[in-house]
Amino acid sequence: MTTFDERENAFENKFAHDEELRFKVAARRNKLAGLWAAGLLGKSGADADTYAKSVVIADMEEAGDEDVVRKLAADLGAKADEAAIRAKLAAFDAEAKRQIMTES
């Protein structure tokens, strides 16, 4: 194997690792956001976990965060506007990164 091939494999492996990490952080962020929203909706325990999973699944509808924001905004109604939801997602993104990095 040549040095070029080794470098190519290293870049491919790094890309795959970075994408996997990005996916895990997004899923964790969405779970945290779902648990936050569940609390606002008065859900707890298994109901809160089920709701949080539905938020994670909602992120699979389209690329980006708009599908998650749309679901949370529709579910929360007057309890949180889109700006508050986006702010929470940003905060939960930082928390999700911290959690994932400490687990690895």
PDB file of N, CA and C in Angstrom:
ATOM      1  N   MET A   1       0.863  -1.175   0.000  1.00  0.00           N
ATOM      2  CA  MET A   1       0.000   0.000   0.000  1.00  0.00           C
ATOM      3  C   MET A   1       0.908   1.236   0.000  1.00  0.00           C
ATOM      4  N   THR A   2       0.576   2.178  -0.847  1.00  0.00           N
ATOM      5  CA  THR A   2       1.389   3.388  -0.938  1.00  0.00           C
ATOM      6  C   THR A   2       0.995   4.389   0.135  1.00  0.00           C
ATOM      7  N   THR A   3       1.839   5.371   0.317  1.00  0.00           N
ATOM      8  CA  THR A   3       1.562   6.426   1.291  1.00  0.00           C
ATOM      9  C   THR A   3       0.278   7.157   0.929  1.00  0.00           C
ATOM     10  N   PHE A   4       0.072   7.359  -0.388  1.00  0.00           N
ATOM     11  CA  PHE A   4      -1.155   8.026  -0.826  1.00  0.00           C
ATOM     12  C   PHE A   4      -2.384   7.223  -0.425  1.00  0.00           C
ATOM     13  N   ASP A   5      -2.335   5.917  -0.634  1.00  0.00           N
ATOM     14  CA  ASP A   5      -3.464   5.052  -0.253  1.00  0.00           C
ATOM     15  C   ASP A   5      -3.712   5.086   1.246  1.00  0.00           C
ATOM     16  N   GLU A   6      -2.629   5.084   2.016  1.00  0.00           N
ATOM     17  CA  GLU A   6      -2.765   5.155   3.473  1.00  0.00           C
ATOM     18  C   GLU A   6      -3.401   6.466   3.909  1.00  0.00           C
ATOM     19  N   ARG A   7      -2.982   7.560   3.287  1.00  0.00           N
ATOM     20  CA  ARG A   7      -3.571   8.862   3.615  1.00  0.00           C
ATOM     21  C   ARG A   7      -5.040   8.911   3.215  1.00  0.00           C
ATOM     22  N   GLU A   8      -5.356   8.349   2.053  1.00  0.00           N
ATOM     23  CA  GLU A   8      -6.747   8.314   1.598  1.00  0.00           C
ATOM     24  C   GLU A   8      -7.612   7.525   2.584  1.00  0.00           C
ATOM     25  N   ASN A   9      -7.120   6.372   3.021  1.00  0.00           N
ATOM     26  CA  ASN A   9      -7.861   5.568   3.996  1.00  0.00           C
ATOM     27  C   ASN A   9      -8.023   6.306   5.312  1.00  0.00           C
ATOM     28  N   ALA A  10      -6.985   7.006   5.731  1.00  0.00           N
ATOM     29  CA  ALA A  10      -7.063   7.765   6.977  1.00  0.00           C
ATOM     30  C   ALA A  10      -8.118   8.861   6.876  1.00  0.00           C
ATOM     31  N   PHE A  11      -8.162   9.573   5.754  1.00  0.00           N
ATOM     32  CA  PHE A  11      -9.167  10.624   5.567  1.00  0.00           C
ATOM     33  C   PHE A  11     -10.580  10.040   5.532  1.00  0.00           C
ATOM     34  N   GLU A  12     -10.734   8.901   4.854  1.00  0.00           N
ATOM     35  CA  GLU A  12     -12.043   8.254   4.801  1.00  0.00           C
ATOM     36  C   GLU A  12     -12.492   7.810   6.190  1.00  0.00           C
ATOM     37  N   ASN A  13     -11.571   7.240   6.959  1.00  0.00           N
ATOM     38  CA  ASN A  13     -11.908   6.812   8.315  1.00  0.00           C
ATOM     39  C   ASN A  13     -12.270   7.994   9.203  1.00  0.00           C
ATOM     40  N   LYS A  14     -11.542   9.103   9.064  1.00  0.00           N
ATOM     41  CA  LYS A  14     -11.843  10.299   9.854  1.00  0.00           C
ATOM     42  C   LYS A  14     -13.209  10.854   9.472  1.00  0.00           C
ATOM     43  N   PHE A  15     -13.498  10.889   8.179  1.00  0.00           N
ATOM     44  CA  PHE A  15     -14.798  11.376   7.724  1.00  0.00           C
ATOM     45  C   PHE A  15     -15.919  10.516   8.305  1.00  0.00           C
ATOM     46  N   ALA A  16     -15.764   9.201   8.238  1.00  0.00           N
ATOM     47  CA  ALA A  16     -16.792   8.292   8.762  1.00  0.00           C
ATOM     48  C   ALA A  16     -16.959   8.490  10.269  1.00  0.00           C
ATOM     49  N   HIS A  17     -15.859   8.648  10.979  1.00  0.00           N
ATOM     50  CA  HIS A  17     -15.924   8.868  12.423  1.00  0.00           C
ATOM     51  C   HIS A  17     -16.626  10.181  12.741  1.00  0.00           C
ATOM     52  N   ASP A  18     -16.272  11.242  12.007  1.00  0.00           N
ATOM     53  CA  ASP A  18     -16.888  12.555  12.240  1.00  0.00           C
ATOM     54  C   ASP A  18     -18.389  12.534  11.959  1.00  0.00           C
ATOM     55  N   GLU A  19     -18.795  11.844  10.907  1.00  0.00           N
ATOM     56  CA  GLU A  19     -20.222  11.750  10.570  1.00  0.00           C
ATOM     57  C   GLU A  19     -20.981  10.965  11.637  1.00  0.00           C
ATOM     58  N   GLU A  20     -20.382   9.886  12.121  1.00  0.00           N
ATOM     59  CA  GLU A  20     -21.017   9.102  13.181  1.00  0.00           C
ATOM     60  C   GLU A  20     -21.167   9.940  14.447  1.00  0.00           C
ATOM     61  N   LEU A  21     -20.140  10.702  14.775  1.00  0.00           N
ATOM     62  CA  LEU A  21     -20.185  11.572  15.947  1.00  0.00           C
ATOM     63  C   LEU A  21     -21.265  12.637  15.786  1.00  0.00           C
ATOM     64  N   ARG A  22     -21.348  13.228  14.604  1.00  0.00           N
ATOM     65  CA  ARG A  22     -22.363  14.253  14.334  1.00  0.00           C
ATOM     66  C   ARG A  22     -23.772  13.675  14.486  1.00  0.00           C
ATOM     67  N   PHE A  23     -23.973  12.448  13.990  1.00  0.00           N
ATOM     68  CA  PHE A  23     -25.271  11.787  14.114  1.00  0.00           C
ATOM     69  C   PHE A  23     -25.621  11.538  15.581  1.00  0.00           C
ATOM     70  N   LYS A  24     -24.649  11.046  16.359  1.00  0.00           N
ATOM     71  CA  LYS A  24     -24.895  10.765  17.773  1.00  0.00           C
ATOM     72  C   LYS A  24     -25.225  12.038  18.541  1.00  0.00           C
ATOM     73  N   VAL A  25     -24.507  13.114  18.244  1.00  0.00           N
ATOM     74  CA  VAL A  25     -24.766  14.382  18.929  1.00  0.00           C
ATOM     75  C   VAL A  25     -26.161  14.893  18.582  1.00  0.00           C
ATOM     76  N   ALA A  26     -26.541  14.828  17.306  1.00  0.00           N
ATOM     77  CA  ALA A  26     -27.871  15.298  16.903  1.00  0.00           C
ATOM     78  C   ALA A  26     -28.967  14.471  17.573  1.00  0.00           C
ATOM     79  N   ALA A  27     -28.788  13.163  17.618  1.00  0.00           N
ATOM     80  CA  ALA A  27     -29.797  12.309  18.251  1.00  0.00           C
ATOM     81  C   ALA A  27     -29.898  12.606  19.747  1.00  0.00           C
ATOM     82  N   ARG A  28     -28.753  12.784  20.407  1.00  0.00           N
ATOM     83  CA  ARG A  28     -28.759  13.100  21.838  1.00  0.00           C
ATOM     84  C   ARG A  28     -29.398  14.464  22.077  1.00  0.00           C
ATOM     85  N   ARG A  29     -29.059  15.444  21.240  1.00  0.00           N
ATOM     86  CA  ARG A  29     -29.644  16.781  21.367  1.00  0.00           C
ATOM     87  C   ARG A  29     -31.162  16.705  21.243  1.00  0.00           C
ATOM     88  N   ASN A  30     -31.637  15.955  20.270  1.00  0.00           N
ATOM     89  CA  ASN A  30     -33.075  15.841  20.062  1.00  0.00           C
ATOM     90  C   ASN A  30     -33.760  15.121  21.220  1.00  0.00           C
ATOM     91  N   LYS A  31     -33.078  14.144  21.799  1.00  0.00           N
ATOM     92  CA  LYS A  31     -33.642  13.467  22.969  1.00  0.00           C
ATOM     93  C   LYS A  31     -33.751  14.436  24.137  1.00  0.00           C
ATOM     94  N   LEU A  32     -32.692  15.218  24.361  1.00  0.00           N
ATOM     95  CA  LEU A  32     -32.728  16.211  25.440  1.00  0.00           C
ATOM     96  C   LEU A  32     -33.837  17.232  25.205  1.00  0.00           C
ATOM     97  N   ALA A  33     -33.981  17.667  23.953  1.00  0.00           N
ATOM     98  CA  ALA A  33     -35.049  18.617  23.624  1.00  0.00           C
ATOM     99  C   ALA A  33     -36.421  17.980  23.832  1.00  0.00           C
ATOM    100  N   GLY A  34     -36.540  16.717  23.483  1.00  0.00           N
ATOM    101  CA  GLY A  34     -37.799  16.012  23.677  1.00  0.00           C
ATOM    102  C   GLY A  34     -38.151  15.873  25.150  1.00  0.00           C
ATOM    103  N   LEU A  35     -37.156  15.597  25.978  1.00  0.00           N
ATOM    104  CA  LEU A  35     -37.413  15.501  27.417  1.00  0.00           C
ATOM    105  C   LEU A  35     -37.797  16.858  28.000  1.00  0.00           C
ATOM    106  N   TRP A  36     -37.154  17.922  27.522  1.00  0.00           N
ATOM    107  CA  TRP A  36     -37.513  19.284  27.957  1.00  0.00           C
ATOM    108  C   TRP A  36     -38.965  19.593  27.576  1.00  0.00           C
ATOM    109  N   ALA A  37     -39.309  19.309  26.313  1.00  0.00           N
ATOM    110  CA  ALA A  37     -40.669  19.581  25.841  1.00  0.00           C
ATOM    111  C   ALA A  37     -41.685  18.713  26.579  1.00  0.00           C
ATOM    112  N   ALA A  38     -41.313  17.467  26.843  1.00  0.00           N
ATOM    113  CA  ALA A  38     -42.220  16.576  27.585  1.00  0.00           C
ATOM    114  C   ALA A  38     -42.525  17.161  28.955  1.00  0.00           C
ATOM    115  N   GLY A  39     -41.530  17.736  29.594  1.00  0.00           N
ATOM    116  CA  GLY A  39     -41.756  18.382  30.889  1.00  0.00           C
ATOM    117  C   GLY A  39     -42.728  19.537  30.786  1.00  0.00           C
ATOM    118  N   LEU A  40     -42.587  20.322  29.725  1.00  0.00           N
ATOM    119  CA  LEU A  40     -43.519  21.441  29.522  1.00  0.00           C
ATOM    120  C   LEU A  40     -44.937  20.950  29.256  1.00  0.00           C
ATOM    121  N   LEU A  41     -45.032  19.769  28.658  1.00  0.00           N
ATOM    122  CA  LEU A  41     -46.344  19.201  28.342  1.00  0.00           C
ATOM    123  C   LEU A  41     -46.925  18.395  29.508  1.00  0.00           C
ATOM    124  N   GLY A  42     -46.190  18.321  30.609  1.00  0.00           N
ATOM    125  CA  GLY A  42     -46.680  17.605  31.777  1.00  0.00           C
ATOM    126  C   GLY A  42     -46.470  16.103  31.719  1.00  0.00           C
ATOM    127  N   LYS A  43     -45.602  15.651  30.833  1.00  0.00           N
ATOM    128  CA  LYS A  43     -45.332  14.214  30.724  1.00  0.00           C
ATOM    129  C   LYS A  43     -44.160  13.860  31.629  1.00  0.00           C
ATOM    130  N   SER A  44     -44.163  12.642  32.129  1.00  0.00           N
ATOM    131  CA  SER A  44     -43.045  12.177  32.949  1.00  0.00           C
ATOM    132  C   SER A  44     -42.882  10.676  32.747  1.00  0.00           C
ATOM    133  N   GLY A  45     -41.763  10.156  33.221  1.00  0.00           N
ATOM    134  CA  GLY A  45     -41.512   8.723  33.156  1.00  0.00           C
ATOM    135  C   GLY A  45     -41.494   8.178  31.745  1.00  0.00           C
ATOM    136  N   ALA A  46     -42.184   7.079  31.559  1.00  0.00           N
ATOM    137  CA  ALA A  46     -42.212   6.404  30.261  1.00  0.00           C
ATOM    138  C   ALA A  46     -42.848   7.275  29.182  1.00  0.00           C
ATOM    139  N   ASP A  47     -43.858   8.074  29.557  1.00  0.00           N
ATOM    140  CA  ASP A  47     -44.489   8.974  28.580  1.00  0.00           C
ATOM    141  C   ASP A  47     -43.492  10.001  28.064  1.00  0.00           C
ATOM    142  N   ALA A  48     -42.646  10.529  28.949  1.00  0.00           N
ATOM    143  CA  ALA A  48     -41.631  11.503  28.549  1.00  0.00           C
ATOM    144  C   ALA A  48     -40.602  10.849  27.640  1.00  0.00           C
ATOM    145  N   ASP A  49     -40.190   9.629  27.960  1.00  0.00           N
ATOM    146  CA  ASP A  49     -39.225   8.917  27.124  1.00  0.00           C
ATOM    147  C   ASP A  49     -39.795   8.624  25.739  1.00  0.00           C
ATOM    148  N   THR A  50     -41.047   8.215  25.697  1.00  0.00           N
ATOM    149  CA  THR A  50     -41.702   7.936  24.417  1.00  0.00           C
ATOM    150  C   THR A  50     -41.789   9.205  23.582  1.00  0.00           C
ATOM    151  N   TYR A  51     -42.145  10.314  24.220  1.00  0.00           N
ATOM    152  CA  TYR A  51     -42.218  11.583  23.497  1.00  0.00           C
ATOM    153  C   TYR A  51     -40.834  11.985  22.985  1.00  0.00           C
ATOM    154  N   ALA A  52     -39.808  11.839  23.810  1.00  0.00           N
ATOM    155  CA  ALA A  52     -38.444  12.195  23.393  1.00  0.00           C
ATOM    156  C   ALA A  52     -38.023  11.366  22.180  1.00  0.00           C
ATOM    157  N   LYS A  53     -38.376  10.097  22.157  1.00  0.00           N
ATOM    158  CA  LYS A  53     -38.075   9.246  20.999  1.00  0.00           C
ATOM    159  C   LYS A  53     -38.786   9.742  19.752  1.00  0.00           C
ATOM    160  N   SER A  54     -40.006  10.252  19.916  1.00  0.00           N
ATOM    161  CA  SER A  54     -40.735  10.758  18.751  1.00  0.00           C
ATOM    162  C   SER A  54     -40.061  12.005  18.184  1.00  0.00           C
ATOM    163  N   VAL A  55     -39.406  12.784  19.036  1.00  0.00           N
ATOM    164  CA  VAL A  55     -38.665  13.959  18.564  1.00  0.00           C
ATOM    165  C   VAL A  55     -37.425  13.510  17.798  1.00  0.00           C
ATOM    166  N   VAL A  56     -36.739  12.484  18.302  1.00  0.00           N
ATOM    167  CA  VAL A  56     -35.568  11.949  17.601  1.00  0.00           C
ATOM    168  C   VAL A  56     -35.981  11.429  16.227  1.00  0.00           C
ATOM    169  N   ILE A  57     -37.086  10.715  16.167  1.00  0.00           N
ATOM    170  CA  ILE A  57     -37.572  10.165  14.894  1.00  0.00           C
ATOM    171  C   ILE A  57     -37.995  11.283  13.941  1.00  0.00           C
ATOM    172  N   ALA A  58     -38.560  12.354  14.473  1.00  0.00           N
ATOM    173  CA  ALA A  58     -38.992  13.473  13.626  1.00  0.00           C
ATOM    174  C   ALA A  58     -37.823  14.081  12.867  1.00  0.00           C
ATOM    175  N   ASP A  59     -36.615  13.977  13.408  1.00  0.00           N
ATOM    176  CA  ASP A  59     -35.443  14.547  12.744  1.00  0.00           C
ATOM    177  C   ASP A  59     -35.067  13.779  11.493  1.00  0.00           C
ATOM    178  N   MET A  60     -35.647  12.626  11.272  1.00  0.00           N
ATOM    179  CA  MET A  60     -35.328  11.816  10.094  1.00  0.00           C
ATOM    180  C   MET A  60     -36.138  12.229   8.868  1.00  0.00           C
ATOM    181  N   GLU A  61     -37.079  13.154   9.034  1.00  0.00           N
ATOM    182  CA  GLU A  61     -37.957  13.537   7.934  1.00  0.00           C
ATOM    183  C   GLU A  61     -37.233  14.296   6.835  1.00  0.00           C
ATOM    184  N   GLU A  62     -36.337  15.214   7.212  1.00  0.00           N
ATOM    185  CA  GLU A  62     -35.616  16.017   6.225  1.00  0.00           C
ATOM    186  C   GLU A  62     -34.289  16.464   6.822  1.00  0.00           C
ATOM    187  N   ALA A  63     -33.409  16.917   5.955  1.00  0.00           N
ATOM    188  CA  ALA A  63     -32.106  17.397   6.422  1.00  0.00           C
ATOM    189  C   ALA A  63     -32.285  18.693   7.209  1.00  0.00           C
ATOM    190  N   GLY A  64     -31.437  18.900   8.186  1.00  0.00           N
ATOM    191  CA  GLY A  64     -31.504  20.117   8.991  1.00  0.00           C
ATOM    192  C   GLY A  64     -32.400  19.963  10.204  1.00  0.00           C
ATOM    193  N   ASP A  65     -32.601  21.081  10.870  1.00  0.00           N
ATOM    194  CA  ASP A  65     -33.343  21.083  12.133  1.00  0.00           C
ATOM    195  C   ASP A  65     -34.807  21.495  11.995  1.00  0.00           C
ATOM    196  N   GLU A  66     -35.215  21.898  10.820  1.00  0.00           N
ATOM    197  CA  GLU A  66     -36.565  22.442  10.670  1.00  0.00           C
ATOM    198  C   GLU A  66     -37.651  21.445  11.024  1.00  0.00           C
ATOM    199  N   ASP A  67     -37.439  20.173  10.742  1.00  0.00           N
ATOM    200  CA  ASP A  67     -38.450  19.171  11.081  1.00  0.00           C
ATOM    201  C   ASP A  67     -38.620  19.052  12.591  1.00  0.00           C
ATOM    202  N   VAL A  68     -37.533  19.164  13.334  1.00  0.00           N
ATOM    203  CA  VAL A  68     -37.601  19.097  14.800  1.00  0.00           C
ATOM    204  C   VAL A  68     -38.273  20.355  15.352  1.00  0.00           C
ATOM    205  N   VAL A  69     -37.868  21.508  14.838  1.00  0.00           N
ATOM    206  CA  VAL A  69     -38.462  22.771  15.285  1.00  0.00           C
ATOM    207  C   VAL A  69     -39.959  22.775  15.001  1.00  0.00           C
ATOM    208  N   ARG A  70     -40.331  22.320  13.816  1.00  0.00           N
ATOM    209  CA  ARG A  70     -41.746  22.283  13.433  1.00  0.00           C
ATOM    210  C   ARG A  70     -42.545  21.381  14.372  1.00  0.00           C
ATOM    211  N   LYS A  71     -42.016  20.191  14.676  1.00  0.00           N
ATOM    212  CA  LYS A  71     -42.730  19.274  15.576  1.00  0.00           C
ATOM    213  C   LYS A  71     -42.870  19.874  16.964  1.00  0.00           C
ATOM    214  N   LEU A  72     -41.767  20.382  17.511  1.00  0.00           N
ATOM    215  CA  LEU A  72     -41.821  20.946  18.853  1.00  0.00           C
ATOM    216  C   LEU A  72     -42.749  22.152  18.911  1.00  0.00           C
ATOM    217  N   ALA A  73     -42.694  23.015  17.907  1.00  0.00           N
ATOM    218  CA  ALA A  73     -43.557  24.200  17.889  1.00  0.00           C
ATOM    219  C   ALA A  73     -45.028  23.792  17.829  1.00  0.00           C
ATOM    220  N   ALA A  74     -45.329  22.792  17.012  1.00  0.00           N
ATOM    221  CA  ALA A  74     -46.723  22.336  16.903  1.00  0.00           C
ATOM    222  C   ALA A  74     -47.198  21.701  18.209  1.00  0.00           C
ATOM    223  N   ASP A  75     -46.341  20.909  18.832  1.00  0.00           N
ATOM    224  CA  ASP A  75     -46.729  20.218  20.060  1.00  0.00           C
ATOM    225  C   ASP A  75     -46.819  21.168  21.257  1.00  0.00           C
ATOM    226  N   LEU A  76     -45.894  22.126  21.318  1.00  0.00           N
ATOM    227  CA  LEU A  76     -45.845  23.014  22.480  1.00  0.00           C
ATOM    228  C   LEU A  76     -46.806  24.192  22.384  1.00  0.00           C
ATOM    229  N   GLY A  77     -47.176  24.568  21.184  1.00  0.00           N
ATOM    230  CA  GLY A  77     -48.109  25.688  21.010  1.00  0.00           C
ATOM    231  C   GLY A  77     -47.601  26.949  21.674  1.00  0.00           C
ATOM    232  N   ALA A  78     -48.382  27.508  22.589  1.00  0.00           N
ATOM    233  CA  ALA A  78     -48.042  28.768  23.253  1.00  0.00           C
ATOM    234  C   ALA A  78     -47.015  28.593  24.373  1.00  0.00           C
ATOM    235  N   LYS A  79     -46.651  27.360  24.681  1.00  0.00           N
ATOM    236  CA  LYS A  79     -45.707  27.127  25.784  1.00  0.00           C
ATOM    237  C   LYS A  79     -44.269  27.506  25.413  1.00  0.00           C
ATOM    238  N   ALA A  80     -43.964  27.520  24.102  1.00  0.00           N
ATOM    239  CA  ALA A  80     -42.630  27.925  23.635  1.00  0.00           C
ATOM    240  C   ALA A  80     -42.716  28.299  22.159  1.00  0.00           C
ATOM    241  N   ASP A  81     -42.186  29.477  21.828  1.00  0.00           N
ATOM    242  CA  ASP A  81     -42.179  29.875  20.424  1.00  0.00           C
ATOM    243  C   ASP A  81     -40.935  29.323  19.730  1.00  0.00           C
ATOM    244  N   GLU A  82     -40.846  29.539  18.415  1.00  0.00           N
ATOM    245  CA  GLU A  82     -39.735  28.987  17.643  1.00  0.00           C
ATOM    246  C   GLU A  82     -38.390  29.512  18.117  1.00  0.00           C
ATOM    247  N   ALA A  83     -38.334  30.762  18.510  1.00  0.00           N
ATOM    248  CA  ALA A  83     -37.064  31.332  18.983  1.00  0.00           C
ATOM    249  C   ALA A  83     -36.593  30.618  20.255  1.00  0.00           C
ATOM    250  N   ALA A  84     -37.509  30.356  21.161  1.00  0.00           N
ATOM    251  CA  ALA A  84     -37.161  29.645  22.394  1.00  0.00           C
ATOM    252  C   ALA A  84     -36.736  28.212  22.089  1.00  0.00           C
ATOM    253  N   ILE A  85     -37.415  27.594  21.148  1.00  0.00           N
ATOM    254  CA  ILE A  85     -37.073  26.223  20.759  1.00  0.00           C
ATOM    255  C   ILE A  85     -35.683  26.180  20.152  1.00  0.00           C
ATOM    256  N   ARG A  86     -35.384  27.123  19.252  1.00  0.00           N
ATOM    257  CA  ARG A  86     -34.052  27.166  18.630  1.00  0.00           C
ATOM    258  C   ARG A  86     -32.964  27.426  19.673  1.00  0.00           C
ATOM    259  N   ALA A  87     -33.252  28.283  20.634  1.00  0.00           N
ATOM    260  CA  ALA A  87     -32.282  28.560  21.697  1.00  0.00           C
ATOM    261  C   ALA A  87     -32.035  27.301  22.532  1.00  0.00           C
ATOM    262  N   LYS A  88     -33.097  26.583  22.837  1.00  0.00           N
ATOM    263  CA  LYS A  88     -32.951  25.331  23.589  1.00  0.00           C
ATOM    264  C   LYS A  88     -32.168  24.297  22.786  1.00  0.00           C
ATOM    265  N   LEU A  89     -32.439  24.204  21.487  1.00  0.00           N
ATOM    266  CA  LEU A  89     -31.696  23.263  20.652  1.00  0.00           C
ATOM    267  C   LEU A  89     -30.210  23.595  20.652  1.00  0.00           C
ATOM    268  N   ALA A  90     -29.867  24.861  20.591  1.00  0.00           N
ATOM    269  CA  ALA A  90     -28.455  25.262  20.625  1.00  0.00           C
ATOM    270  C   ALA A  90     -27.828  24.875  21.961  1.00  0.00           C
ATOM    271  N   ALA A  91     -28.533  25.122  23.048  1.00  0.00           N
ATOM    272  CA  ALA A  91     -28.008  24.760  24.372  1.00  0.00           C
ATOM    273  C   ALA A  91     -27.885  23.247  24.512  1.00  0.00           C
ATOM    274  N   PHE A  92     -28.882  22.527  24.031  1.00  0.00           N
ATOM    275  CA  PHE A  92     -28.840  21.070  24.118  1.00  0.00           C
ATOM    276  C   PHE A  92     -27.775  20.483  23.196  1.00  0.00           C
ATOM    277  N   ASP A  93     -27.462  21.172  22.103  1.00  0.00           N
ATOM    278  CA  ASP A  93     -26.395  20.716  21.215  1.00  0.00           C
ATOM    279  C   ASP A  93     -25.055  20.722  21.959  1.00  0.00           C
ATOM    280  N   ALA A  94     -24.797  21.810  22.664  1.00  0.00           N
ATOM    281  CA  ALA A  94     -23.556  21.895  23.444  1.00  0.00           C
ATOM    282  C   ALA A  94     -23.520  20.829  24.533  1.00  0.00           C
ATOM    283  N   GLU A  95     -24.647  20.613  25.199  1.00  0.00           N
ATOM    284  CA  GLU A  95     -24.722  19.596  26.249  1.00  0.00           C
ATOM    285  C   GLU A  95     -24.548  18.193  25.667  1.00  0.00           C
ATOM    286  N   ALA A  96     -25.166  17.940  24.508  1.00  0.00           N
ATOM    287  CA  ALA A  96     -25.046  16.629  23.868  1.00  0.00           C
ATOM    288  C   ALA A  96     -23.599  16.353  23.477  1.00  0.00           C
ATOM    289  N   LYS A  97     -22.909  17.356  22.938  1.00  0.00           N
ATOM    290  CA  LYS A  97     -21.494  17.181  22.588  1.00  0.00           C
ATOM    291  C   LYS A  97     -20.684  16.847  23.832  1.00  0.00           C
ATOM    292  N   ARG A  98     -20.935  17.553  24.909  1.00  0.00           N
ATOM    293  CA  ARG A  98     -20.210  17.303  26.150  1.00  0.00           C
ATOM    294  C   ARG A  98     -20.453  15.878  26.636  1.00  0.00           C
ATOM    295  N   GLN A  99     -21.711  15.460  26.615  1.00  0.00           N
ATOM    296  CA  GLN A  99     -22.052  14.112  27.079  1.00  0.00           C
ATOM    297  C   GLN A  99     -21.404  13.030  26.211  1.00  0.00           C
ATOM    298  N   ILE A 100     -21.483  13.195  24.911  1.00  0.00           N
ATOM    299  CA  ILE A 100     -20.931  12.192  23.992  1.00  0.00           C
ATOM    300  C   ILE A 100     -19.410  12.116  24.151  1.00  0.00           C
ATOM    301  N   MET A 101     -18.766  13.258  24.282  1.00  0.00           N
ATOM    302  CA  MET A 101     -17.307  13.263  24.400  1.00  0.00           C
ATOM    303  C   MET A 101     -16.848  12.634  25.731  1.00  0.00           C
ATOM    304  N   THR A 102     -17.624  12.781  26.785  1.00  0.00           N
ATOM    305  CA  THR A 102     -17.222  12.175  28.061  1.00  0.00           C
ATOM    306  C   THR A 102     -17.495  10.670  28.074  1.00  0.00           C
ATOM    307  N   GLU A 103     -18.405  10.210  27.236  1.00  0.00           N
ATOM    308  CA  GLU A 103     -18.698   8.786  27.149  1.00  0.00           C
ATOM    309  C   GLU A 103     -17.630   8.036  26.358  1.00  0.00           C
ATOM    310  N   SER A 104     -17.040   8.713  25.399  1.00  0.00           N
ATOM    311  CA  SER A 104     -16.061   8.041  24.509  1.00  0.00           C
ATOM    312  C   SER A 104     -14.747   7.801  25.185  1.00  0.00           C
TER     313      SER A 104
END
